[in-house]
Amino acid sequence: MFFSLTDEQRALRSTVRELLADRFPLSAVRALYDDDGSDGDPAELWKAIGEQGWLAVLIPEDHDGLGLGLLDAAVLARCWGEGCVPGPFLPTLVAAEAIRLGGSAEQKSSWLPRVAAGEAKLTLAHGGRVTQADGKLSGTVHHVEYAHVADALVVAADGGRLWLVDPRGAGVTVTVTKALDRSTVLTTVVLEGAAGQELPGAVLPDVLDRGAVLYANDLAGVARVALDRTVDYDKTREQFGRPVGSFQAIKHALADLHVAVTMAEHAGWYAAHALDAGLPDAALAVSVAKSKAGDAAREATAAMIQYHGGIGYTWEHDAHLFFKRAKRAEYQYGDPAEHRERIARLVVDGA
């Protein structure tokens, strides 16, 4: 089967790349790294995202959104990875998908138009031990992105049910935790009898798959830029009177990386398409994409450091920005090992 982006999706990618390069280039990311007092959520960037309507990409038209598919959102995620772009954009998309898929009519009307307009920030808190009794939630969830600036948390509790929680409500404590990757902010959320509003739909597996696809595409963007910049550098850096990229060991290693990154790129696009189209291999495609992207980004960013020589190990060079983002995103929504285990289960059970 032939599969590729449409002309409209390619145009969207070009527009997003140009705006991010103009409004929030890597120099701005570096400034965020160096600002210990920042909340990690640049106001000017969030405003630009809202003005462009990118938060509305997955919101239905009857809730003031664009009504596009996950593949269109994956195009945006790819650009986010390419630029190591910070902020709660991707966490908001994922949490809004939980409301879109599993929320009541009232919950959708309350939150989705606000998300589409850039007036609300959301995040998904899952993977912790949270219990509920009579609508009160208790437990702890680690590594929640941007809970400190979110207007609502979508919390996964025991049994896989999802609950809307006010992060500033009684019984909720949000603590920012230090992370090596400063292109995001991770928090710990502690719930002690916090009030929650249940989403009626049991959609956590679908939401996690969609989150995995978006972060797989973010990782694919990281991997491609890391590889391209390494190749460009090794074409001009000389040792013994020759470009180091002409040495057989480096040339073959970069060729292998190109194959791995290309496979991750196509796996990311296809997984988004498979979920949009409801294809029978969608779950398998998700795990292939996330495992491929995690491996490719880790290897490409490590090679970026090594093949830039001494300068690649310095704070002044951009290599560490990509490496740290790759290492962090590799573990979000399942690391490569977890997804390979899921692939095995799907294939064996399917057989």
C-alpha atoms as a PDB file:
ATOM      1  CA  MET A   1       0.000   0.000   0.000  1.00  0.00           C
ATOM      2  CA  PHE A   2       1.324   3.455  -0.924  1.00  0.00           C
ATOM      3  CA  PHE A   3       1.047   6.013   1.825  1.00  0.00           C
ATOM      4  CA  SER A   4       2.283   9.597   2.089  1.00  0.00           C
ATOM      5  CA  LEU A   5       1.320  13.017   3.391  1.00  0.00           C
ATOM      6  CA  THR A   6      -1.143  15.076   1.393  1.00  0.00           C
ATOM      7  CA  ASP A   7      -0.185  18.385  -0.196  1.00  0.00           C
ATOM      8  CA  GLU A   8      -2.133  20.170   2.545  1.00  0.00           C
ATOM      9  CA  GLN A   9      -0.211  18.334   5.272  1.00  0.00           C
ATOM     10  CA  ARG A  10       3.111  19.165   3.629  1.00  0.00           C
ATOM     11  CA  ALA A  11       2.057  22.807   3.441  1.00  0.00           C
ATOM     12  CA  LEU A  12       1.107  22.714   7.125  1.00  0.00           C
ATOM     13  CA  ARG A  13       4.524  21.279   7.972  1.00  0.00           C
ATOM     14  CA  SER A  14       6.297  24.056   6.078  1.00  0.00           C
ATOM     15  CA  THR A  15       4.192  26.734   7.769  1.00  0.00           C
ATOM     16  CA  VAL A  16       4.829  25.340  11.250  1.00  0.00           C
ATOM     17  CA  ARG A  17       8.564  25.004  10.651  1.00  0.00           C
ATOM     18  CA  GLU A  18       8.832  28.583   9.412  1.00  0.00           C
ATOM     19  CA  LEU A  19       6.865  30.064  12.293  1.00  0.00           C
ATOM     20  CA  LEU A  20       8.756  28.120  14.949  1.00  0.00           C
ATOM     21  CA  ALA A  21      12.097  29.051  13.388  1.00  0.00           C
ATOM     22  CA  ASP A  22      11.040  32.695  13.482  1.00  0.00           C
ATOM     23  CA  ARG A  23       9.231  32.843  16.835  1.00  0.00           C
ATOM     24  CA  PHE A  24      11.049  30.207  18.889  1.00  0.00           C
ATOM     25  CA  PRO A  25      14.364  29.059  17.409  1.00  0.00           C
ATOM     26  CA  LEU A  26      16.930  26.958  19.265  1.00  0.00           C
ATOM     27  CA  SER A  27      18.461  30.136  20.687  1.00  0.00           C
ATOM     28  CA  ALA A  28      15.184  30.696  22.554  1.00  0.00           C
ATOM     29  CA  VAL A  29      15.207  27.090  23.762  1.00  0.00           C
ATOM     30  CA  ARG A  30      18.732  27.630  25.054  1.00  0.00           C
ATOM     31  CA  ALA A  31      17.633  30.810  26.850  1.00  0.00           C
ATOM     32  CA  LEU A  32      14.904  28.771  28.538  1.00  0.00           C
ATOM     33  CA  TYR A  33      17.518  26.230  29.640  1.00  0.00           C
ATOM     34  CA  ASP A  34      19.577  28.988  31.224  1.00  0.00           C
ATOM     35  CA  ASP A  35      16.645  30.656  33.018  1.00  0.00           C
ATOM     36  CA  ASP A  36      16.270  28.946  36.396  1.00  0.00           C
ATOM     37  CA  GLY A  37      13.262  31.119  37.234  1.00  0.00           C
ATOM     38  CA  SER A  38      11.205  30.168  34.186  1.00  0.00           C
ATOM     39  CA  ASP A  39       8.058  28.056  34.477  1.00  0.00           C
ATOM     40  CA  GLY A  40       8.991  26.364  31.184  1.00  0.00           C
ATOM     41  CA  ASP A  41       5.903  27.700  29.411  1.00  0.00           C
ATOM     42  CA  PRO A  42       6.845  30.749  27.287  1.00  0.00           C
ATOM     43  CA  ALA A  43       3.802  33.005  27.089  1.00  0.00           C
ATOM     44  CA  GLU A  44       4.664  34.374  23.641  1.00  0.00           C
ATOM     45  CA  LEU A  45       4.938  30.856  22.229  1.00  0.00           C
ATOM     46  CA  TRP A  46       1.587  29.747  23.651  1.00  0.00           C
ATOM     47  CA  LYS A  47      -0.035  32.900  22.266  1.00  0.00           C
ATOM     48  CA  ALA A  48       1.358  32.186  18.809  1.00  0.00           C
ATOM     49  CA  ILE A  49       0.135  28.590  18.955  1.00  0.00           C
ATOM     50  CA  GLY A  50      -3.361  29.778  19.862  1.00  0.00           C
ATOM     51  CA  GLU A  51      -3.394  32.410  17.126  1.00  0.00           C
ATOM     52  CA  GLN A  52      -2.400  29.849  14.513  1.00  0.00           C
ATOM     53  CA  GLY A  53      -5.199  27.497  15.573  1.00  0.00           C
ATOM     54  CA  TRP A  54      -2.901  24.524  16.052  1.00  0.00           C
ATOM     55  CA  LEU A  55      -4.530  23.566  19.361  1.00  0.00           C
ATOM     56  CA  ALA A  56      -7.782  23.123  17.445  1.00  0.00           C
ATOM     57  CA  VAL A  57      -6.369  20.450  15.143  1.00  0.00           C
ATOM     58  CA  LEU A  58      -8.150  17.495  16.812  1.00  0.00           C
ATOM     59  CA  ILE A  59     -11.142  19.408  18.199  1.00  0.00           C
ATOM     60  CA  PRO A  60     -14.409  18.721  16.303  1.00  0.00           C
ATOM     61  CA  GLU A  61     -15.875  21.550  14.268  1.00  0.00           C
ATOM     62  CA  ASP A  62     -19.001  21.668  16.434  1.00  0.00           C
ATOM     63  CA  HIS A  63     -16.716  22.627  19.335  1.00  0.00           C
ATOM     64  CA  ASP A  64     -14.947  25.387  17.370  1.00  0.00           C
ATOM     65  CA  GLY A  65     -12.113  23.140  16.209  1.00  0.00           C
ATOM     66  CA  LEU A  66     -10.669  22.176  12.847  1.00  0.00           C
ATOM     67  CA  GLY A  67     -11.894  18.590  12.980  1.00  0.00           C
ATOM     68  CA  LEU A  68      -8.714  17.170  11.468  1.00  0.00           C
ATOM     69  CA  GLY A  69      -7.093  13.814  12.196  1.00  0.00           C
ATOM     70  CA  LEU A  70      -4.254  12.449  14.271  1.00  0.00           C
ATOM     71  CA  LEU A  71      -1.984  12.478  11.217  1.00  0.00           C
ATOM     72  CA  ASP A  72      -2.337  16.261  11.027  1.00  0.00           C
ATOM     73  CA  ALA A  73      -1.501  16.489  14.735  1.00  0.00           C
ATOM     74  CA  ALA A  74       1.481  14.189  14.110  1.00  0.00           C
ATOM     75  CA  VAL A  75       2.759  16.690  11.539  1.00  0.00           C
ATOM     76  CA  LEU A  76       2.773  19.308  14.284  1.00  0.00           C
ATOM     77  CA  ALA A  77       4.421  16.938  16.761  1.00  0.00           C
ATOM     78  CA  ARG A  78       7.190  16.203  14.250  1.00  0.00           C
ATOM     79  CA  CYS A  79       7.934  19.929  13.985  1.00  0.00           C
ATOM     80  CA  TRP A  80       7.941  20.221  17.782  1.00  0.00           C
ATOM     81  CA  GLY A  81      10.642  17.575  18.008  1.00  0.00           C
ATOM     82  CA  GLU A  82      12.696  19.122  15.220  1.00  0.00           C
ATOM     83  CA  GLY A  83      12.926  22.360  17.164  1.00  0.00           C
ATOM     84  CA  CYS A  84      13.050  20.909  20.718  1.00  0.00           C
ATOM     85  CA  VAL A  85      10.080  23.195  21.300  1.00  0.00           C
ATOM     86  CA  PRO A  86       8.979  23.575  24.947  1.00  0.00           C
ATOM     87  CA  GLY A  87       5.560  24.169  26.451  1.00  0.00           C
ATOM     88  CA  PRO A  88       2.375  22.182  27.193  1.00  0.00           C
ATOM     89  CA  PHE A  89       1.228  21.881  23.562  1.00  0.00           C
ATOM     90  CA  LEU A  90       1.515  18.093  23.212  1.00  0.00           C
ATOM     91  CA  PRO A  91       0.259  17.344  26.768  1.00  0.00           C
ATOM     92  CA  THR A  92      -2.783  19.518  26.045  1.00  0.00           C
ATOM     93  CA  LEU A  93      -3.507  17.693  22.784  1.00  0.00           C
ATOM     94  CA  VAL A  94      -3.353  14.305  24.508  1.00  0.00           C
ATOM     95  CA  ALA A  95      -5.539  15.304  27.466  1.00  0.00           C
ATOM     96  CA  ALA A  96      -8.040  16.993  25.155  1.00  0.00           C
ATOM     97  CA  GLU A  97      -8.297  13.723  23.242  1.00  0.00           C
ATOM     98  CA  ALA A  98      -9.391  12.056  26.485  1.00  0.00           C
ATOM     99  CA  ILE A  99     -12.216  14.560  26.808  1.00  0.00           C
ATOM    100  CA  ARG A 100     -13.131  14.330  23.124  1.00  0.00           C
ATOM    101  CA  LEU A 101     -13.261  10.545  23.170  1.00  0.00           C
ATOM    102  CA  GLY A 102     -14.614   9.887  26.653  1.00  0.00           C
ATOM    103  CA  GLY A 103     -16.175  13.062  27.981  1.00  0.00           C
ATOM    104  CA  SER A 104     -19.839  13.836  28.462  1.00  0.00           C
ATOM    105  CA  ALA A 105     -21.549  16.408  26.243  1.00  0.00           C
ATOM    106  CA  GLU A 106     -21.254  18.942  29.053  1.00  0.00           C
ATOM    107  CA  GLN A 107     -17.551  18.222  29.610  1.00  0.00           C
ATOM    108  CA  LYS A 108     -16.833  18.548  25.898  1.00  0.00           C
ATOM    109  CA  SER A 109     -18.733  21.834  25.644  1.00  0.00           C
ATOM    110  CA  SER A 110     -16.949  23.167  28.712  1.00  0.00           C
ATOM    111  CA  TRP A 111     -13.377  22.329  27.715  1.00  0.00           C
ATOM    112  CA  LEU A 112     -12.908  21.668  24.009  1.00  0.00           C
ATOM    113  CA  PRO A 113     -13.771  25.179  22.718  1.00  0.00           C
ATOM    114  CA  ARG A 114     -11.413  26.666  25.314  1.00  0.00           C
ATOM    115  CA  VAL A 115      -8.615  24.362  24.231  1.00  0.00           C
ATOM    116  CA  ALA A 116      -9.231  25.205  20.584  1.00  0.00           C
ATOM    117  CA  ALA A 117      -8.996  28.924  21.368  1.00  0.00           C
ATOM    118  CA  GLY A 118      -5.791  28.538  23.374  1.00  0.00           C
ATOM    119  CA  GLU A 119      -7.587  29.513  26.574  1.00  0.00           C
ATOM    120  CA  ALA A 120      -7.024  26.253  28.474  1.00  0.00           C
ATOM    121  CA  LYS A 121      -4.012  24.042  29.147  1.00  0.00           C
ATOM    122  CA  LEU A 122      -4.481  20.397  30.053  1.00  0.00           C
ATOM    123  CA  THR A 123      -2.302  17.430  30.892  1.00  0.00           C
ATOM    124  CA  LEU A 124      -2.738  13.705  31.421  1.00  0.00           C
ATOM    125  CA  ALA A 125      -1.675  12.184  34.757  1.00  0.00           C
ATOM    126  CA  HIS A 126      -1.383   8.423  34.387  1.00  0.00           C
ATOM    127  CA  GLY A 127       0.853   5.587  35.460  1.00  0.00           C
ATOM    128  CA  GLY A 128       0.616   6.282  39.180  1.00  0.00           C
ATOM    129  CA  ARG A 129      -1.318   4.606  41.940  1.00  0.00           C
ATOM    130  CA  VAL A 130      -4.548   6.550  42.271  1.00  0.00           C
ATOM    131  CA  THR A 131      -7.673   5.195  43.930  1.00  0.00           C
ATOM    132  CA  GLN A 132     -11.121   6.717  44.094  1.00  0.00           C
ATOM    133  CA  ALA A 133     -13.961   6.472  46.562  1.00  0.00           C
ATOM    134  CA  ASP A 134     -17.191   8.420  46.164  1.00  0.00           C
ATOM    135  CA  GLY A 135     -15.607  10.709  43.578  1.00  0.00           C
ATOM    136  CA  LYS A 136     -12.604  11.510  45.780  1.00  0.00           C
ATOM    137  CA  LEU A 137      -9.173  10.647  44.419  1.00  0.00           C
ATOM    138  CA  SER A 138      -6.076   9.720  46.419  1.00  0.00           C
ATOM    139  CA  GLY A 139      -2.619   8.717  45.275  1.00  0.00           C
ATOM    140  CA  THR A 140       0.548   9.964  43.606  1.00  0.00           C
ATOM    141  CA  VAL A 141       1.480  10.339  39.951  1.00  0.00           C
ATOM    142  CA  HIS A 142       5.067  11.124  38.961  1.00  0.00           C
ATOM    143  CA  HIS A 143       6.467  12.679  35.792  1.00  0.00           C
ATOM    144  CA  VAL A 144       3.326  14.593  34.831  1.00  0.00           C
ATOM    145  CA  GLU A 145       4.117  17.249  32.245  1.00  0.00           C
ATOM    146  CA  TYR A 146       3.191  20.856  33.027  1.00  0.00           C
ATOM    147  CA  ALA A 147       0.680  20.154  35.794  1.00  0.00           C
ATOM    148  CA  HIS A 148       1.879  23.362  37.466  1.00  0.00           C
ATOM    149  CA  VAL A 149       0.417  25.513  34.651  1.00  0.00           C
ATOM    150  CA  ALA A 150      -2.541  23.292  33.664  1.00  0.00           C
ATOM    151  CA  ASP A 151      -6.120  24.443  34.038  1.00  0.00           C
ATOM    152  CA  ALA A 152      -7.255  20.834  34.478  1.00  0.00           C
ATOM    153  CA  LEU A 153      -5.700  17.425  34.982  1.00  0.00           C
ATOM    154  CA  VAL A 154      -7.066  14.288  33.355  1.00  0.00           C
ATOM    155  CA  VAL A 155      -6.200  11.666  35.966  1.00  0.00           C
ATOM    156  CA  ALA A 156      -6.232   7.912  35.411  1.00  0.00           C
ATOM    157  CA  ALA A 157      -7.456   6.104  38.521  1.00  0.00           C
ATOM    158  CA  ASP A 158      -7.828   2.442  39.435  1.00  0.00           C
ATOM    159  CA  GLY A 159      -9.771   0.473  36.881  1.00  0.00           C
ATOM    160  CA  GLY A 160      -8.534   2.749  34.098  1.00  0.00           C
ATOM    161  CA  ARG A 161     -11.272   5.355  34.531  1.00  0.00           C
ATOM    162  CA  LEU A 162     -10.431   8.981  33.800  1.00  0.00           C
ATOM    163  CA  TRP A 163     -11.276  11.935  36.013  1.00  0.00           C
ATOM    164  CA  LEU A 164     -11.102  15.693  35.550  1.00  0.00           C
ATOM    165  CA  VAL A 165      -9.352  17.309  38.494  1.00  0.00           C
ATOM    166  CA  ASP A 166      -8.670  20.966  39.301  1.00  0.00           C
ATOM    167  CA  PRO A 167      -4.903  21.197  39.952  1.00  0.00           C
ATOM    168  CA  ARG A 168      -5.498  24.116  42.308  1.00  0.00           C
ATOM    169  CA  GLY A 169      -8.362  22.466  44.171  1.00  0.00           C
ATOM    170  CA  ALA A 170      -8.405  21.173  47.727  1.00  0.00           C
ATOM    171  CA  GLY A 171      -6.436  17.981  48.241  1.00  0.00           C
ATOM    172  CA  VAL A 172      -4.181  18.509  45.206  1.00  0.00           C
ATOM    173  CA  THR A 173      -0.469  19.233  45.537  1.00  0.00           C
ATOM    174  CA  VAL A 174       1.682  19.808  42.452  1.00  0.00           C
ATOM    175  CA  THR A 175       5.463  19.856  42.879  1.00  0.00           C
ATOM    176  CA  VAL A 176       7.896  20.660  40.089  1.00  0.00           C
ATOM    177  CA  THR A 177      10.716  18.121  39.832  1.00  0.00           C
ATOM    178  CA  LYS A 178      14.092  18.744  38.246  1.00  0.00           C
ATOM    179  CA  ALA A 179      14.725  17.154  34.864  1.00  0.00           C
ATOM    180  CA  LEU A 180      17.773  17.092  32.612  1.00  0.00           C
ATOM    181  CA  ASP A 181      15.594  17.947  29.632  1.00  0.00           C
ATOM    182  CA  ARG A 182      14.523  21.524  30.202  1.00  0.00           C
ATOM    183  CA  SER A 183      12.378  21.609  27.060  1.00  0.00           C
ATOM    184  CA  THR A 184       9.656  20.242  29.316  1.00  0.00           C
ATOM    185  CA  VAL A 185       8.660  20.569  32.964  1.00  0.00           C
ATOM    186  CA  LEU A 186       7.893  17.419  34.914  1.00  0.00           C
ATOM    187  CA  THR A 187       5.841  17.470  38.098  1.00  0.00           C
ATOM    188  CA  THR A 188       4.663  15.151  40.832  1.00  0.00           C
ATOM    189  CA  VAL A 189       0.924  15.265  41.544  1.00  0.00           C
ATOM    190  CA  VAL A 190      -0.259  14.171  44.986  1.00  0.00           C
ATOM    191  CA  LEU A 191      -3.989  13.669  45.517  1.00  0.00           C
ATOM    192  CA  GLU A 192      -5.431  13.457  49.010  1.00  0.00           C
ATOM    193  CA  GLY A 193      -9.188  13.130  48.769  1.00  0.00           C
ATOM    194  CA  ALA A 194      -9.304  15.488  45.784  1.00  0.00           C
ATOM    195  CA  ALA A 195     -12.637  16.036  44.072  1.00  0.00           C
ATOM    196  CA  GLY A 196     -12.886  14.578  40.587  1.00  0.00           C
ATOM    197  CA  GLN A 197     -15.399  14.629  37.764  1.00  0.00           C
ATOM    198  CA  GLU A 198     -15.501  11.272  35.996  1.00  0.00           C
ATOM    199  CA  LEU A 199     -15.369  10.998  32.228  1.00  0.00           C
ATOM    200  CA  PRO A 200     -18.080   8.466  31.327  1.00  0.00           C
ATOM    201  CA  GLY A 201     -16.155   6.806  28.507  1.00  0.00           C
ATOM    202  CA  ALA A 202     -13.573   4.070  29.171  1.00  0.00           C
ATOM    203  CA  VAL A 203     -11.012   5.416  26.709  1.00  0.00           C
ATOM    204  CA  LEU A 204      -7.641   5.282  28.501  1.00  0.00           C
ATOM    205  CA  PRO A 205      -6.087   2.686  26.102  1.00  0.00           C
ATOM    206  CA  ASP A 206      -7.086   4.793  23.093  1.00  0.00           C
ATOM    207  CA  VAL A 207      -5.707   7.941  24.696  1.00  0.00           C
ATOM    208  CA  LEU A 208      -2.409   6.265  25.551  1.00  0.00           C
ATOM    209  CA  ASP A 209      -2.067   5.030  21.960  1.00  0.00           C
ATOM    210  CA  ARG A 210      -2.659   8.528  20.641  1.00  0.00           C
ATOM    211  CA  GLY A 211      -0.141   9.951  23.078  1.00  0.00           C
ATOM    212  CA  ALA A 212       2.391   7.326  21.994  1.00  0.00           C
ATOM    213  CA  VAL A 213       1.932   8.282  18.343  1.00  0.00           C
ATOM    214  CA  LEU A 214       2.377  12.002  19.001  1.00  0.00           C
ATOM    215  CA  TYR A 215       5.526  11.439  21.037  1.00  0.00           C
ATOM    216  CA  ALA A 216       6.842   8.951  18.468  1.00  0.00           C
ATOM    217  CA  ASN A 217       6.594  11.681  15.868  1.00  0.00           C
ATOM    218  CA  ASP A 218       8.250  14.171  18.209  1.00  0.00           C
ATOM    219  CA  LEU A 219      11.112  11.670  18.582  1.00  0.00           C
ATOM    220  CA  ALA A 220      11.310  11.140  14.827  1.00  0.00           C
ATOM    221  CA  GLY A 221      11.709  14.897  14.408  1.00  0.00           C
ATOM    222  CA  VAL A 222      14.503  14.941  16.991  1.00  0.00           C
ATOM    223  CA  ALA A 223      16.243  12.035  15.258  1.00  0.00           C
ATOM    224  CA  ARG A 224      16.089  13.549  11.765  1.00  0.00           C
ATOM    225  CA  VAL A 225      17.490  16.935  12.746  1.00  0.00           C
ATOM    226  CA  ALA A 226      20.224  15.342  14.871  1.00  0.00           C
ATOM    227  CA  LEU A 227      21.272  13.124  11.964  1.00  0.00           C
ATOM    228  CA  ASP A 228      21.106  15.858   9.322  1.00  0.00           C
ATOM    229  CA  ARG A 229      23.176  18.251  11.397  1.00  0.00           C
ATOM    230  CA  THR A 230      25.747  15.536  12.060  1.00  0.00           C
ATOM    231  CA  VAL A 231      26.045  14.666   8.370  1.00  0.00           C
ATOM    232  CA  ASP A 232      26.422  18.329   7.412  1.00  0.00           C
ATOM    233  CA  TYR A 233      29.133  18.834  10.024  1.00  0.00           C
ATOM    234  CA  ASP A 234      31.080  15.722   9.058  1.00  0.00           C
ATOM    235  CA  LYS A 235      31.098  16.812   5.425  1.00  0.00           C
ATOM    236  CA  THR A 236      33.144  19.881   6.355  1.00  0.00           C
ATOM    237  CA  ARG A 237      35.173  18.844   9.420  1.00  0.00           C
ATOM    238  CA  GLU A 238      38.564  17.588   8.288  1.00  0.00           C
ATOM    239  CA  GLN A 239      41.102  15.200   9.796  1.00  0.00           C
ATOM    240  CA  PHE A 240      44.283  14.125   8.009  1.00  0.00           C
ATOM    241  CA  GLY A 241      43.329  16.393   5.110  1.00  0.00           C
ATOM    242  CA  ARG A 242      39.966  14.708   4.459  1.00  0.00           C
ATOM    243  CA  PRO A 243      36.376  15.270   5.604  1.00  0.00           C
ATOM    244  CA  VAL A 244      35.725  12.891   8.495  1.00  0.00           C
ATOM    245  CA  GLY A 245      32.460  11.914   6.856  1.00  0.00           C
ATOM    246  CA  SER A 246      34.448  10.182   4.132  1.00  0.00           C
ATOM    247  CA  PHE A 247      35.995   7.721   6.597  1.00  0.00           C
ATOM    248  CA  GLN A 248      34.460   4.303   6.145  1.00  0.00           C
ATOM    249  CA  ALA A 249      33.572   3.677   9.779  1.00  0.00           C
ATOM    250  CA  ILE A 250      31.716   6.989  10.132  1.00  0.00           C
ATOM    251  CA  LYS A 251      30.159   6.814   6.668  1.00  0.00           C
ATOM    252  CA  HIS A 252      28.702   3.360   7.270  1.00  0.00           C
ATOM    253  CA  ALA A 253      27.452   4.252  10.740  1.00  0.00           C
ATOM    254  CA  LEU A 254      25.661   7.346   9.435  1.00  0.00           C
ATOM    255  CA  ALA A 255      24.163   5.331   6.573  1.00  0.00           C
ATOM    256  CA  ASP A 256      22.759   2.833   9.069  1.00  0.00           C
ATOM    257  CA  LEU A 257      21.345   5.690  11.127  1.00  0.00           C
ATOM    258  CA  HIS A 258      19.698   7.173   8.045  1.00  0.00           C
ATOM    259  CA  VAL A 259      17.877   3.892   7.441  1.00  0.00           C
ATOM    260  CA  ALA A 260      16.766   3.693  11.081  1.00  0.00           C
ATOM    261  CA  VAL A 261      15.539   7.296  11.154  1.00  0.00           C
ATOM    262  CA  THR A 262      13.700   6.927   7.844  1.00  0.00           C
ATOM    263  CA  MET A 263      11.921   3.826   9.122  1.00  0.00           C
ATOM    264  CA  ALA A 264      10.945   5.681  12.307  1.00  0.00           C
ATOM    265  CA  GLU A 265       9.592   8.594  10.273  1.00  0.00           C
ATOM    266  CA  HIS A 266       7.384   6.409   8.111  1.00  0.00           C
ATOM    267  CA  ALA A 267       6.271   4.280  11.057  1.00  0.00           C
ATOM    268  CA  GLY A 268       5.153   7.454  12.857  1.00  0.00           C
ATOM    269  CA  TRP A 269       3.092   8.683   9.921  1.00  0.00           C
ATOM    270  CA  TYR A 270       1.515   5.284   9.330  1.00  0.00           C
ATOM    271  CA  ALA A 271       0.562   4.754  12.980  1.00  0.00           C
ATOM    272  CA  ALA A 272      -1.309   8.060  12.991  1.00  0.00           C
ATOM    273  CA  HIS A 273      -3.048   7.146   9.751  1.00  0.00           C
ATOM    274  CA  ALA A 274      -3.945   3.682  11.080  1.00  0.00           C
ATOM    275  CA  LEU A 275      -5.651   5.177  14.140  1.00  0.00           C
ATOM    276  CA  ASP A 276      -7.455   7.756  12.006  1.00  0.00           C
ATOM    277  CA  ALA A 277      -8.727   5.076   9.637  1.00  0.00           C
ATOM    278  CA  GLY A 278      -9.485   2.514  12.351  1.00  0.00           C
ATOM    279  CA  LEU A 279      -7.311  -0.088  10.638  1.00  0.00           C
ATOM    280  CA  PRO A 280      -7.078  -3.566  12.216  1.00  0.00           C
ATOM    281  CA  ASP A 281      -3.307  -3.236  12.677  1.00  0.00           C
ATOM    282  CA  ALA A 282      -3.519   0.139  14.427  1.00  0.00           C
ATOM    283  CA  ALA A 283      -2.366  -1.090  17.855  1.00  0.00           C
ATOM    284  CA  LEU A 284       0.568  -2.906  16.275  1.00  0.00           C
ATOM    285  CA  ALA A 285       1.457   0.168  14.225  1.00  0.00           C
ATOM    286  CA  VAL A 286       1.477   2.318  17.365  1.00  0.00           C
ATOM    287  CA  SER A 287       3.971   0.091  19.134  1.00  0.00           C
ATOM    288  CA  VAL A 288       6.158  -0.246  16.049  1.00  0.00           C
ATOM    289  CA  ALA A 289       6.249   3.541  15.714  1.00  0.00           C
ATOM    290  CA  LYS A 290       7.058   4.257  19.352  1.00  0.00           C
ATOM    291  CA  SER A 291       9.743   1.578  19.622  1.00  0.00           C
ATOM    292  CA  LYS A 292      11.366   2.560  16.324  1.00  0.00           C
ATOM    293  CA  ALA A 293      11.303   6.259  17.145  1.00  0.00           C
ATOM    294  CA  GLY A 294      12.707   5.780  20.637  1.00  0.00           C
ATOM    295  CA  ASP A 295      15.611   3.702  19.368  1.00  0.00           C
ATOM    296  CA  ALA A 296      16.332   5.975  16.401  1.00  0.00           C
ATOM    297  CA  ALA A 297      16.284   9.192  18.434  1.00  0.00           C
ATOM    298  CA  ARG A 298      18.505   7.763  21.149  1.00  0.00           C
ATOM    299  CA  GLU A 299      21.054   6.476  18.649  1.00  0.00           C
ATOM    300  CA  ALA A 300      20.990   9.535  16.372  1.00  0.00           C
ATOM    301  CA  THR A 301      21.445  12.016  19.202  1.00  0.00           C
ATOM    302  CA  ALA A 302      24.234   9.948  20.772  1.00  0.00           C
ATOM    303  CA  ALA A 303      25.968   9.868  17.380  1.00  0.00           C
ATOM    304  CA  MET A 304      25.467  13.628  17.086  1.00  0.00           C
ATOM    305  CA  ILE A 305      27.518  14.111  20.235  1.00  0.00           C
ATOM    306  CA  GLN A 306      30.219  11.624  19.261  1.00  0.00           C
ATOM    307  CA  TYR A 307      30.628  12.628  15.612  1.00  0.00           C
ATOM    308  CA  HIS A 308      30.858  16.322  16.396  1.00  0.00           C
ATOM    309  CA  GLY A 309      34.070  15.554  18.265  1.00  0.00           C
ATOM    310  CA  GLY A 310      35.000  17.568  21.345  1.00  0.00           C
ATOM    311  CA  ILE A 311      32.553  20.414  20.649  1.00  0.00           C
ATOM    312  CA  GLY A 312      29.639  17.945  20.755  1.00  0.00           C
ATOM    313  CA  TYR A 313      30.201  17.367  24.471  1.00  0.00           C
ATOM    314  CA  THR A 314      29.962  21.035  25.438  1.00  0.00           C
ATOM    315  CA  TRP A 315      27.062  23.027  26.867  1.00  0.00           C
ATOM    316  CA  GLU A 316      27.568  25.649  24.153  1.00  0.00           C
ATOM    317  CA  HIS A 317      26.724  23.195  21.359  1.00  0.00           C
ATOM    318  CA  ASP A 318      23.099  22.228  20.621  1.00  0.00           C
ATOM    319  CA  ALA A 319      23.728  18.465  20.669  1.00  0.00           C
ATOM    320  CA  HIS A 320      22.767  18.065  24.323  1.00  0.00           C
ATOM    321  CA  LEU A 321      19.384  19.733  23.702  1.00  0.00           C
ATOM    322  CA  PHE A 322      18.427  16.969  21.270  1.00  0.00           C
ATOM    323  CA  PHE A 323      19.990  14.164  23.322  1.00  0.00           C
ATOM    324  CA  LYS A 324      18.165  15.121  26.510  1.00  0.00           C
ATOM    325  CA  ARG A 325      14.823  15.496  24.753  1.00  0.00           C
ATOM    326  CA  ALA A 326      15.279  12.098  23.100  1.00  0.00           C
ATOM    327  CA  LYS A 327      16.098  10.401  26.393  1.00  0.00           C
ATOM    328  CA  ARG A 328      13.085  11.933  28.114  1.00  0.00           C
ATOM    329  CA  ALA A 329      10.520  11.324  25.360  1.00  0.00           C
ATOM    330  CA  GLU A 330      11.783   7.775  24.825  1.00  0.00           C
ATOM    331  CA  TYR A 331      10.112   6.748  28.091  1.00  0.00           C
ATOM    332  CA  GLN A 332       6.847   8.651  27.709  1.00  0.00           C
ATOM    333  CA  TYR A 333       3.890   6.474  26.757  1.00  0.00           C
ATOM    334  CA  GLY A 334       6.026   3.353  26.869  1.00  0.00           C
ATOM    335  CA  ASP A 335       9.703   2.847  26.130  1.00  0.00           C
ATOM    336  CA  PRO A 336      10.949   0.684  23.221  1.00  0.00           C
ATOM    337  CA  ALA A 337      11.215  -2.439  25.393  1.00  0.00           C
ATOM    338  CA  GLU A 338       7.612  -2.126  26.582  1.00  0.00           C
ATOM    339  CA  HIS A 339       6.335  -1.635  23.061  1.00  0.00           C
ATOM    340  CA  ARG A 340       8.359  -4.562  21.708  1.00  0.00           C
ATOM    341  CA  GLU A 341       6.733  -6.724  24.388  1.00  0.00           C
ATOM    342  CA  ARG A 342       3.358  -5.456  23.241  1.00  0.00           C
ATOM    343  CA  ILE A 343       4.258  -6.231  19.619  1.00  0.00           C
ATOM    344  CA  ALA A 344       5.094  -9.790  20.632  1.00  0.00           C
ATOM    345  CA  ARG A 345       1.789 -10.172  22.472  1.00  0.00           C
ATOM    346  CA  LEU A 346      -0.193  -8.786  19.549  1.00  0.00           C
ATOM    347  CA  VAL A 347       1.551 -10.963  16.992  1.00  0.00           C
ATOM    348  CA  VAL A 348       1.497 -14.155  19.044  1.00  0.00           C
ATOM    349  CA  ASP A 349      -2.083 -13.692  20.248  1.00  0.00           C
ATOM    350  CA  GLY A 350      -3.154 -12.738  16.753  1.00  0.00           C
ATOM    351  CA  ALA A 351      -1.580 -15.914  15.377  1.00  0.00           C
END
